[in-house]
Amino acid sequence: MSGSDSNLWNQILDHLRQEVEPEEYRRWLLPTSYASDSGDLITVWVPTEATRRYLSTHYASQIERLLRAMRPHSEIRFVVTGTSDEEDDE
């Protein structure tokens, strides 16, 4: 599969990759993954709650601006996948 497999989140990531420092991109944006798109809500998986908070705090305005340009009436929701060992289940 090539770049034609481009969902809305991947398009936003492509733009952000050009706007943010490479280390920032690798640390905070690269670990995210597209989950689903219901038309008005795009769900993006993030590995940890810390990542979710960081993206919501530091990238919300950039993500919102890009999303509005691409699909004005949609929202993005970050969902923690829970695959990290940051939290103990016991």
Protein backbone atom coordinates (compact mmCIF):
# COMPACT_ATOMS: atom_id res chain seq x y z
CA MET A 1 0.00 0.00 0.00
CA SER A 2 1.22 3.45 -0.83
CA GLY A 3 0.13 6.97 0.10
CA SER A 4 -3.32 6.30 -1.38
CA ASP A 5 -4.16 4.67 1.96
CA SER A 6 -4.50 8.14 3.41
CA ASN A 7 -7.26 8.71 5.96
CA LEU A 8 -7.99 12.13 7.42
CA TRP A 9 -5.75 11.64 10.46
CA ASN A 10 -2.80 10.61 8.25
CA GLN A 11 -3.35 13.75 6.17
CA ILE A 12 -3.28 15.86 9.34
CA LEU A 13 -0.10 14.07 10.45
CA ASP A 14 1.50 14.82 7.08
CA HIS A 15 0.88 18.53 7.64
CA LEU A 16 2.03 18.46 11.27
CA ARG A 17 5.24 16.67 10.27
CA GLN A 18 6.17 19.78 8.29
CA GLU A 19 5.23 22.17 11.11
CA VAL A 20 6.77 20.66 14.23
CA GLU A 21 10.29 19.70 15.29
CA PRO A 22 11.24 16.17 14.17
CA GLU A 23 11.85 15.00 17.75
CA GLU A 24 8.47 16.36 18.86
CA TYR A 25 6.80 14.59 15.95
CA ARG A 26 8.53 11.27 16.71
CA ARG A 27 7.76 11.44 20.40
CA TRP A 28 4.15 12.64 20.45
CA LEU A 29 2.53 12.26 17.04
CA LEU A 30 4.12 9.21 15.45
CA PRO A 31 2.83 6.77 18.14
CA THR A 32 -0.79 7.74 17.36
CA SER A 33 -2.93 5.69 15.02
CA TYR A 34 -6.17 6.18 13.17
CA ALA A 35 -9.02 4.19 14.71
CA SER A 36 -12.24 5.18 12.95
CA ASP A 37 -14.12 7.93 11.16
CA SER A 38 -17.88 8.25 11.49
CA GLY A 39 -18.03 11.36 9.32
CA ASP A 40 -18.32 13.90 12.12
CA LEU A 41 -16.00 12.20 14.63
CA ILE A 42 -12.52 10.91 13.91
CA THR A 43 -11.17 8.62 16.61
CA VAL A 44 -7.41 8.42 17.07
CA TRP A 45 -5.66 5.93 19.34
CA VAL A 46 -2.86 7.17 21.57
CA PRO A 47 -0.59 4.95 23.66
CA THR A 48 -0.87 6.70 27.04
CA GLU A 49 -2.90 9.21 28.98
CA ALA A 50 0.21 11.40 29.09
CA THR A 51 0.27 11.43 25.27
CA ARG A 52 -3.42 12.28 25.12
CA ARG A 53 -2.93 15.19 27.53
CA TYR A 54 0.14 16.45 25.70
CA LEU A 55 -1.58 16.43 22.31
CA SER A 56 -4.68 18.11 23.75
CA THR A 57 -2.55 20.79 25.40
CA HIS A 58 0.17 21.45 22.84
CA TYR A 59 -1.35 20.55 19.49
CA ALA A 60 -5.07 21.19 19.85
CA SER A 61 -5.06 24.47 17.94
CA GLN A 62 -2.94 23.15 15.06
CA ILE A 63 -5.01 19.98 14.77
CA GLU A 64 -8.24 21.98 14.96
CA ARG A 65 -7.05 24.38 12.24
CA LEU A 66 -6.08 21.54 9.90
CA LEU A 67 -9.28 19.64 10.58
CA ARG A 68 -11.43 22.70 9.90
CA ALA A 69 -9.65 23.21 6.58
CA MET A 70 -10.21 19.59 5.55
CA ARG A 71 -13.61 18.83 7.07
CA PRO A 72 -15.19 21.82 8.86
CA HIS A 73 -17.87 20.04 10.91
CA SER A 74 -15.81 17.18 12.32
CA GLU A 75 -14.08 16.60 15.62
CA ILE A 76 -11.11 14.49 16.66
CA ARG A 77 -11.21 12.37 19.78
CA PHE A 78 -8.08 10.85 21.30
CA VAL A 79 -8.61 7.49 22.98
CA VAL A 80 -5.96 5.84 25.14
CA THR A 81 -5.42 2.29 23.94
CA GLY A 82 -4.15 1.04 27.27
CA THR A 83 -1.35 -0.95 25.64
CA SER A 84 1.23 0.83 27.77
CA ASP A 85 2.44 -0.37 31.17
CA GLU A 86 2.20 3.18 32.50
CA GLU A 87 -0.79 2.19 34.64
CA ASP A 88 -1.02 -0.85 36.89
CA ASP A 89 -4.11 -3.01 36.62
CA GLU A 90 -3.70 -4.53 40.06
